[in-house]
Amino acid sequence: MTRILNKLFVNGNSVLQIFSTEKPFNLPALADRLERVFPRMVRVNEGAGIIVVMDRIRVSEKGIVEGTGPAAERVQKVYDEFIKAQTQP
């Protein structure tokens, strides 16, 4: 299993430059959007990179990981709109 971490520790006396190749996924911003649709039913587990909606729908930066039904479809719609807004210049 490959796991990507968003933190880098550099040991040395002189670090001249560090570049990021991509922008990290903004999990709290997606959670805020979901909170507007599902008030007081959204929890963020940043350590696991998961948002839990209604204690049964799990969303990661890749989309819905677990959950089905109309609520999951609504979560997917909010996720799709969020991703579209993030990729537009």
C-alpha atoms as a PDB file:
ATOM      1  CA  MET A   1       0.000   0.000   0.000  1.00  0.00           C
ATOM      2  CA  THR A   2       1.375   3.393  -1.012  1.00  0.00           C
ATOM      3  CA  ARG A   3       0.681   6.306   1.258  1.00  0.00           C
ATOM      4  CA  ILE A   4       1.371   9.932   0.379  1.00  0.00           C
ATOM      5  CA  LEU A   5       2.106  12.348   3.210  1.00  0.00           C
ATOM      6  CA  ASN A   6       1.739  16.098   2.869  1.00  0.00           C
ATOM      7  CA  LYS A   7       4.556  16.910   5.283  1.00  0.00           C
ATOM      8  CA  LEU A   8       8.264  17.009   4.599  1.00  0.00           C
ATOM      9  CA  PHE A   9      11.036  17.239   7.172  1.00  0.00           C
ATOM     10  CA  VAL A  10      14.388  18.428   5.881  1.00  0.00           C
ATOM     11  CA  ASN A  11      17.518  18.023   7.961  1.00  0.00           C
ATOM     12  CA  GLY A  12      20.409  20.271   6.994  1.00  0.00           C
ATOM     13  CA  ASN A  13      22.144  23.585   7.546  1.00  0.00           C
ATOM     14  CA  SER A  14      20.992  25.345   4.402  1.00  0.00           C
ATOM     15  CA  VAL A  15      17.781  24.613   2.568  1.00  0.00           C
ATOM     16  CA  LEU A  16      17.573  26.954  -0.392  1.00  0.00           C
ATOM     17  CA  GLN A  17      14.195  26.146  -1.916  1.00  0.00           C
ATOM     18  CA  ILE A  18      11.315  23.738  -1.536  1.00  0.00           C
ATOM     19  CA  PHE A  19       8.650  23.474  -4.231  1.00  0.00           C
ATOM     20  CA  SER A  20       5.265  21.838  -4.125  1.00  0.00           C
ATOM     21  CA  THR A  21       4.232  19.933  -7.228  1.00  0.00           C
ATOM     22  CA  GLU A  22       0.524  20.152  -6.488  1.00  0.00           C
ATOM     23  CA  LYS A  23      -1.841  21.931  -4.160  1.00  0.00           C
ATOM     24  CA  PRO A  24      -2.999  19.740  -1.255  1.00  0.00           C
ATOM     25  CA  PHE A  25      -6.682  18.872  -1.102  1.00  0.00           C
ATOM     26  CA  ASN A  26      -8.651  21.304   1.089  1.00  0.00           C
ATOM     27  CA  LEU A  27     -10.654  18.877   3.227  1.00  0.00           C
ATOM     28  CA  PRO A  28     -11.961  21.566   5.655  1.00  0.00           C
ATOM     29  CA  ALA A  29     -13.324  23.647   2.763  1.00  0.00           C
ATOM     30  CA  LEU A  30     -15.237  20.645   1.408  1.00  0.00           C
ATOM     31  CA  ALA A  31     -16.541  19.958   4.918  1.00  0.00           C
ATOM     32  CA  ASP A  32     -17.787  23.564   5.121  1.00  0.00           C
ATOM     33  CA  ARG A  33     -19.695  23.117   1.864  1.00  0.00           C
ATOM     34  CA  LEU A  34     -21.209  19.860   3.079  1.00  0.00           C
ATOM     35  CA  GLU A  35     -22.117  21.523   6.394  1.00  0.00           C
ATOM     36  CA  ARG A  36     -24.296  24.015   4.482  1.00  0.00           C
ATOM     37  CA  VAL A  37     -26.338  21.144   3.030  1.00  0.00           C
ATOM     38  CA  PHE A  38     -26.199  18.837   6.090  1.00  0.00           C
ATOM     39  CA  PRO A  39     -26.118  21.159   9.152  1.00  0.00           C
ATOM     40  CA  ARG A  40     -24.556  19.633  12.288  1.00  0.00           C
ATOM     41  CA  MET A  41     -24.158  16.263  10.529  1.00  0.00           C
ATOM     42  CA  VAL A  42     -20.585  16.617   9.211  1.00  0.00           C
ATOM     43  CA  ARG A  43     -17.409  15.475  10.981  1.00  0.00           C
ATOM     44  CA  VAL A  44     -13.857  15.808   9.656  1.00  0.00           C
ATOM     45  CA  ASN A  45     -11.118  13.293  10.425  1.00  0.00           C
ATOM     46  CA  GLU A  46      -8.088  15.039   8.916  1.00  0.00           C
ATOM     47  CA  GLY A  47      -5.707  12.332  10.116  1.00  0.00           C
ATOM     48  CA  ALA A  48      -7.535   9.764   8.009  1.00  0.00           C
ATOM     49  CA  GLY A  49      -8.366  12.244   5.243  1.00  0.00           C
ATOM     50  CA  ILE A  50     -12.085  11.475   5.585  1.00  0.00           C
ATOM     51  CA  ILE A  51     -15.270  13.485   6.051  1.00  0.00           C
ATOM     52  CA  VAL A  52     -18.178  11.618   7.650  1.00  0.00           C
ATOM     53  CA  VAL A  53     -21.691  12.832   6.813  1.00  0.00           C
ATOM     54  CA  MET A  54     -24.696  11.631   8.832  1.00  0.00           C
ATOM     55  CA  ASP A  55     -22.506   8.960  10.495  1.00  0.00           C
ATOM     56  CA  ARG A  56     -22.813   6.749   7.406  1.00  0.00           C
ATOM     57  CA  ILE A  57     -21.399   8.478   4.316  1.00  0.00           C
ATOM     58  CA  ARG A  58     -17.622   8.737   4.046  1.00  0.00           C
ATOM     59  CA  VAL A  59     -15.961  11.132   1.607  1.00  0.00           C
ATOM     60  CA  SER A  60     -12.272  11.470   0.795  1.00  0.00           C
ATOM     61  CA  GLU A  61     -10.407  13.625  -1.702  1.00  0.00           C
ATOM     62  CA  LYS A  62     -11.266  11.004  -4.339  1.00  0.00           C
ATOM     63  CA  GLY A  63     -15.054  11.095  -3.722  1.00  0.00           C
ATOM     64  CA  ILE A  64     -17.482   8.906  -1.806  1.00  0.00           C
ATOM     65  CA  VAL A  65     -15.729   5.980  -0.151  1.00  0.00           C
ATOM     66  CA  GLU A  66     -18.763   4.514   1.615  1.00  0.00           C
ATOM     67  CA  GLY A  67     -22.505   5.126   1.510  1.00  0.00           C
ATOM     68  CA  THR A  68     -25.433   4.831  -0.874  1.00  0.00           C
ATOM     69  CA  GLY A  69     -28.869   6.302  -1.379  1.00  0.00           C
ATOM     70  CA  PRO A  70     -30.275   9.781  -1.946  1.00  0.00           C
ATOM     71  CA  ALA A  71     -28.134  11.412   0.757  1.00  0.00           C
ATOM     72  CA  ALA A  72     -24.968   9.908  -0.731  1.00  0.00           C
ATOM     73  CA  GLU A  73     -26.032  11.162  -4.161  1.00  0.00           C
ATOM     74  CA  ARG A  74     -26.430  14.669  -2.717  1.00  0.00           C
ATOM     75  CA  VAL A  75     -22.998  14.427  -1.067  1.00  0.00           C
ATOM     76  CA  GLN A  76     -21.535  13.350  -4.431  1.00  0.00           C
ATOM     77  CA  LYS A  77     -23.172  16.354  -6.120  1.00  0.00           C
ATOM     78  CA  VAL A  78     -21.674  18.747  -3.553  1.00  0.00           C
ATOM     79  CA  TYR A  79     -18.286  17.030  -3.989  1.00  0.00           C
ATOM     80  CA  ASP A  80     -18.465  17.322  -7.799  1.00  0.00           C
ATOM     81  CA  GLU A  81     -19.351  21.032  -7.587  1.00  0.00           C
ATOM     82  CA  PHE A  82     -16.476  21.589  -5.128  1.00  0.00           C
ATOM     83  CA  ILE A  83     -13.960  19.848  -7.419  1.00  0.00           C
ATOM     84  CA  LYS A  84     -15.218  21.788 -10.439  1.00  0.00           C
ATOM     85  CA  ALA A  85     -14.827  25.084  -8.576  1.00  0.00           C
ATOM     86  CA  GLN A  86     -11.298  24.124  -7.477  1.00  0.00           C
ATOM     87  CA  THR A  87     -10.116  23.267 -10.987  1.00  0.00           C
ATOM     88  CA  GLN A  88     -11.458  26.386 -12.688  1.00  0.00           C
ATOM     89  CA  PRO A  89      -8.966  29.281 -12.987  1.00  0.00           C
END
